[in-house]
Amino acid sequence: MHVGRIMNTDLITVTPDTPLTKAKKLIEEKKISHLLVVDKKRKFTGIVSDRDVKQSWASPATALSVHELNYLLDQLTAGHIMTTTPITVSPGTTIERAAHLMQQNRISALPVMEGDKLVGIITRTDVMALLLQSIGIDKESARFTVLVKDRVGVMAEISQILKDAGVNIRSLVTWPETRHEGYYQLVLRVPAENSAVAVETLQKHGFKVLTEYVEDFTPYL
């Protein structure tokens, strides 16, 4: 999956001279967490997050009068607080690469550029929604974990066993078991009505199947 498939293209933009008060109002009204900043020629120049706005907003404990406070806030603009060199991605960037960039740089959104043209934005929320969809959590399904050694053909073997049992795999996610080198967790989702058959069948074929949380996998390896 690539960024271009899930990016938001209905962009909310402001210019660098947009007052902070207006930027804050837009974020609240549109229920978004980022504003993209473009100049008069629609060239992308920066990004403003709701966090940037909150950090720049005056404390309610200030000794200034309401008139003085509003005047000062009106002098602050998107151009004053925006990030001018944000990390960007292209529509062809993979979702996992985008997620890695956000995690690595502790950011929650990536503007999407096609050449020098701003075409979209992808957020941490978009990535999380895709993850939940890909693992099948939005469907009537059951989840269990199969502990396996890292060897060629193990996933094909499990798939064939479940196919022969008439069980459809809705999703399969793998990751290494960090405490036990050479072992992987295969987390499968199958239709809820087929869960018992799937677990029993895999166990009959010698696989270690867990249907609930286990703190230490050692006894099951």
Protein backbone atom coordinates (compact mmCIF):
# COMPACT_ATOMS: atom_id res chain seq x y z
CA MET A 1 0.00 0.00 0.00
CA HIS A 2 1.20 3.48 -0.88
CA VAL A 3 0.60 6.93 0.55
CA GLY A 4 -1.27 8.04 -2.56
CA ARG A 5 -4.03 5.50 -1.81
CA ILE A 6 -5.00 6.90 1.59
CA MET A 7 -3.72 10.50 1.70
CA ASN A 8 -6.17 13.32 2.32
CA THR A 9 -6.53 15.47 -0.79
CA ASP A 10 -9.22 17.84 0.49
CA LEU A 11 -6.61 20.20 1.87
CA ILE A 12 -7.18 23.01 4.35
CA THR A 13 -4.56 25.67 3.59
CA VAL A 14 -3.63 29.10 4.88
CA THR A 15 -1.15 31.74 3.79
CA PRO A 16 1.87 32.81 5.86
CA ASP A 17 0.11 36.07 6.82
CA THR A 18 -2.96 34.30 8.25
CA PRO A 19 -3.44 35.51 11.86
CA LEU A 20 -2.95 32.95 14.60
CA THR A 21 -6.51 33.57 15.79
CA LYS A 22 -7.88 32.54 12.39
CA ALA A 23 -5.59 29.49 12.22
CA LYS A 24 -6.82 28.35 15.63
CA LYS A 25 -10.44 28.82 14.58
CA LEU A 26 -9.90 26.80 11.38
CA ILE A 27 -8.31 23.92 13.27
CA GLU A 28 -11.21 23.83 15.73
CA GLU A 29 -13.98 24.20 13.12
CA LYS A 30 -12.55 21.68 10.67
CA LYS A 31 -11.55 19.28 13.46
CA ILE A 32 -8.07 18.82 12.05
CA SER A 33 -4.63 18.78 13.62
CA HIS A 34 -2.59 20.46 10.87
CA LEU A 35 -2.80 23.40 8.50
CA LEU A 36 -0.75 23.49 5.32
CA VAL A 37 0.79 26.86 4.53
CA VAL A 38 1.00 28.03 0.91
CA ASP A 39 2.06 31.37 -0.54
CA LYS A 40 0.04 33.50 -2.96
CA LYS A 41 1.25 31.35 -5.86
CA ARG A 42 -0.02 28.21 -4.03
CA LYS A 43 3.54 27.06 -3.42
CA PHE A 44 3.91 24.97 -0.28
CA THR A 45 5.94 26.81 2.33
CA GLY A 46 5.31 25.11 5.67
CA ILE A 47 3.00 23.36 8.11
CA VAL A 48 1.32 24.44 11.35
CA SER A 49 0.15 21.88 13.90
CA ASP A 50 -2.45 22.32 16.62
CA ARG A 51 0.43 21.88 19.04
CA ASP A 52 2.25 24.85 17.47
CA VAL A 53 -0.86 26.96 17.95
CA LYS A 54 -1.32 25.90 21.59
CA GLN A 55 2.32 26.61 22.39
CA SER A 56 2.07 30.07 20.84
CA TRP A 57 -1.23 30.96 22.48
CA ALA A 58 -0.96 33.31 25.44
CA SER A 59 -1.53 31.90 28.91
CA PRO A 60 -4.88 32.84 30.52
CA ALA A 61 -2.81 33.96 33.54
CA THR A 62 -1.37 36.91 31.61
CA ALA A 63 -1.74 40.39 33.11
CA LEU A 64 -2.70 41.83 29.72
CA SER A 65 -6.21 43.10 29.11
CA VAL A 66 -8.47 41.29 26.65
CA HIS A 67 -7.95 44.10 24.13
CA GLU A 68 -4.16 43.97 24.50
CA LEU A 69 -4.15 40.18 24.30
CA ASN A 70 -6.26 40.11 21.13
CA TYR A 71 -4.06 42.76 19.56
CA LEU A 72 -0.88 40.76 20.24
CA LEU A 73 -2.44 37.53 19.00
CA ASP A 74 -3.49 39.25 15.78
CA GLN A 75 0.14 40.17 15.17
CA LEU A 76 1.17 36.52 15.27
CA THR A 77 0.70 34.73 11.96
CA ALA A 78 1.00 31.23 10.55
CA GLY A 79 4.31 32.31 9.03
CA HIS A 80 5.70 33.06 12.49
CA ILE A 81 5.02 29.63 13.96
CA MET A 82 5.05 27.24 10.99
CA THR A 83 7.66 24.58 10.42
CA THR A 84 9.39 25.78 7.26
CA THR A 85 11.30 22.60 6.42
CA PRO A 86 8.83 19.78 7.14
CA ILE A 87 9.59 16.21 6.18
CA THR A 88 7.57 15.32 3.10
CA VAL A 89 6.79 12.16 1.13
CA SER A 90 5.57 11.40 -2.38
CA PRO A 91 2.36 9.53 -3.33
CA GLY A 92 4.56 6.53 -4.18
CA THR A 93 6.01 6.26 -0.68
CA THR A 94 4.98 3.05 1.07
CA ILE A 95 2.76 3.31 4.14
CA GLU A 96 5.34 1.52 6.28
CA ARG A 97 8.01 4.02 5.23
CA ALA A 98 5.70 6.91 6.09
CA ALA A 99 4.92 5.36 9.48
CA HIS A 100 8.63 4.88 10.14
CA LEU A 101 9.36 8.52 9.29
CA MET A 102 6.65 9.74 11.65
CA GLN A 103 7.84 7.53 14.49
CA GLN A 104 11.51 8.26 13.94
CA ASN A 105 10.99 12.03 13.84
CA ARG A 106 8.20 12.16 16.43
CA ILE A 107 5.77 13.88 14.10
CA SER A 108 2.13 13.15 13.41
CA ALA A 109 1.71 14.22 9.78
CA LEU A 110 3.54 14.27 6.46
CA PRO A 111 2.71 16.63 3.59
CA VAL A 112 2.62 14.77 0.28
CA MET A 113 4.46 16.33 -2.65
CA GLU A 114 4.44 15.37 -6.31
CA GLY A 115 7.50 17.18 -7.58
CA ASP A 116 7.08 20.73 -6.26
CA LYS A 117 3.28 20.44 -6.08
CA LEU A 118 1.42 19.86 -2.82
CA VAL A 119 -1.09 17.06 -3.45
CA GLY A 120 -2.07 15.74 -0.03
CA ILE A 121 -1.31 15.02 3.60
CA ILE A 122 -1.12 11.77 5.55
CA THR A 123 -1.46 11.63 9.33
CA ARG A 124 -0.77 9.15 12.08
CA THR A 125 -4.53 8.65 12.35
CA ASP A 126 -4.69 7.60 8.67
CA VAL A 127 -1.92 5.04 9.21
CA MET A 128 -3.59 3.64 12.33
CA ALA A 129 -6.93 3.31 10.53
CA LEU A 130 -5.25 1.41 7.70
CA LEU A 131 -3.49 -0.89 10.17
CA LEU A 132 -6.75 -1.73 11.93
CA GLN A 133 -8.42 -2.38 8.60
CA SER A 134 -5.55 -4.55 7.36
CA ILE A 135 -5.57 -6.80 10.43
CA GLY A 136 -9.32 -7.29 10.10
CA ILE A 137 -10.34 -5.80 13.42
CA ASP A 138 -13.30 -4.10 11.79
CA LYS A 139 -14.89 -7.44 10.92
CA GLU A 140 -16.48 -10.26 12.88
CA SER A 141 -13.35 -12.27 13.45
CA ALA A 142 -11.31 -14.13 16.06
CA ARG A 143 -7.61 -13.66 16.78
CA PHE A 144 -4.97 -16.16 17.86
CA THR A 145 -1.19 -16.46 17.81
CA VAL A 146 0.91 -19.28 16.37
CA LEU A 147 4.50 -19.60 17.62
CA VAL A 148 6.83 -20.87 14.91
CA LYS A 149 10.51 -21.25 14.16
CA ASP A 150 11.83 -19.10 11.35
CA ARG A 151 11.95 -21.58 8.49
CA VAL A 152 11.14 -21.62 4.82
CA GLY A 153 7.56 -22.61 4.02
CA VAL A 154 6.01 -22.35 7.47
CA MET A 155 3.37 -19.81 6.44
CA ALA A 156 2.52 -21.81 3.34
CA GLU A 157 2.12 -24.89 5.53
CA ILE A 158 -0.23 -23.12 7.94
CA SER A 159 -2.23 -21.66 5.06
CA GLN A 160 -2.63 -25.11 3.47
CA ILE A 161 -3.73 -26.68 6.76
CA LEU A 162 -6.41 -24.05 7.26
CA LYS A 163 -7.46 -24.22 3.62
CA ASP A 164 -7.96 -27.99 3.93
CA ALA A 165 -10.05 -27.36 7.06
CA GLY A 166 -12.21 -24.86 5.18
CA VAL A 167 -10.99 -21.90 7.21
CA ASN A 168 -10.38 -18.55 5.52
CA ILE A 169 -7.50 -16.39 6.82
CA ARG A 170 -8.70 -12.81 6.97
CA SER A 171 -5.36 -11.36 8.01
CA LEU A 172 -1.90 -12.51 9.02
CA VAL A 173 0.73 -10.36 10.72
CA THR A 174 4.20 -11.55 11.72
CA TRP A 175 6.91 -10.20 13.97
CA PRO A 176 9.99 -11.67 15.62
CA GLU A 177 9.88 -12.85 19.21
CA THR A 178 12.64 -10.67 20.68
CA ARG A 179 13.16 -12.82 23.78
CA HIS A 180 13.61 -16.01 21.77
CA GLU A 181 15.87 -15.69 18.77
CA GLY A 182 14.75 -17.63 15.71
CA TYR A 183 11.07 -17.65 16.68
CA TYR A 184 8.21 -15.63 15.24
CA GLN A 185 4.69 -14.82 16.30
CA LEU A 186 2.14 -15.30 13.54
CA VAL A 187 -1.02 -13.43 14.51
CA LEU A 188 -3.98 -14.66 12.50
CA ARG A 189 -7.58 -13.51 12.22
CA VAL A 190 -10.20 -15.92 10.94
CA PRO A 191 -14.02 -15.77 10.84
CA ALA A 192 -15.29 -16.02 14.42
CA GLU A 193 -17.37 -19.10 13.65
CA ASN A 194 -14.26 -20.95 12.41
CA SER A 195 -11.98 -20.03 15.31
CA ALA A 196 -12.30 -23.28 17.30
CA VAL A 197 -11.76 -25.43 14.20
CA ALA A 198 -8.71 -23.40 13.18
CA VAL A 199 -7.06 -23.65 16.60
CA GLU A 200 -7.82 -27.35 17.03
CA THR A 201 -6.62 -28.21 13.52
CA LEU A 202 -3.32 -26.36 13.89
CA GLN A 203 -2.70 -27.94 17.28
CA LYS A 204 -3.31 -31.40 15.81
CA HIS A 205 -0.57 -30.65 13.28
CA GLY A 206 1.87 -29.83 16.06
CA PHE A 207 1.69 -26.04 16.09
CA LYS A 208 1.73 -24.06 19.34
CA VAL A 209 -1.38 -21.89 19.33
CA LEU A 210 -2.18 -19.24 21.94
CA THR A 211 -5.64 -17.71 22.26
CA GLU A 212 -4.92 -15.38 25.20
CA TYR A 213 -2.11 -13.32 26.71
CA VAL A 214 0.92 -15.27 27.95
CA GLU A 215 3.78 -13.46 29.69
CA ASP A 216 6.46 -16.07 29.00
CA PHE A 217 6.48 -18.09 25.78
CA THR A 218 9.27 -20.43 26.95
CA PRO A 219 6.99 -23.37 27.94
CA TYR A 220 5.32 -23.23 24.52
CA LEU A 221 8.44 -23.32 22.38
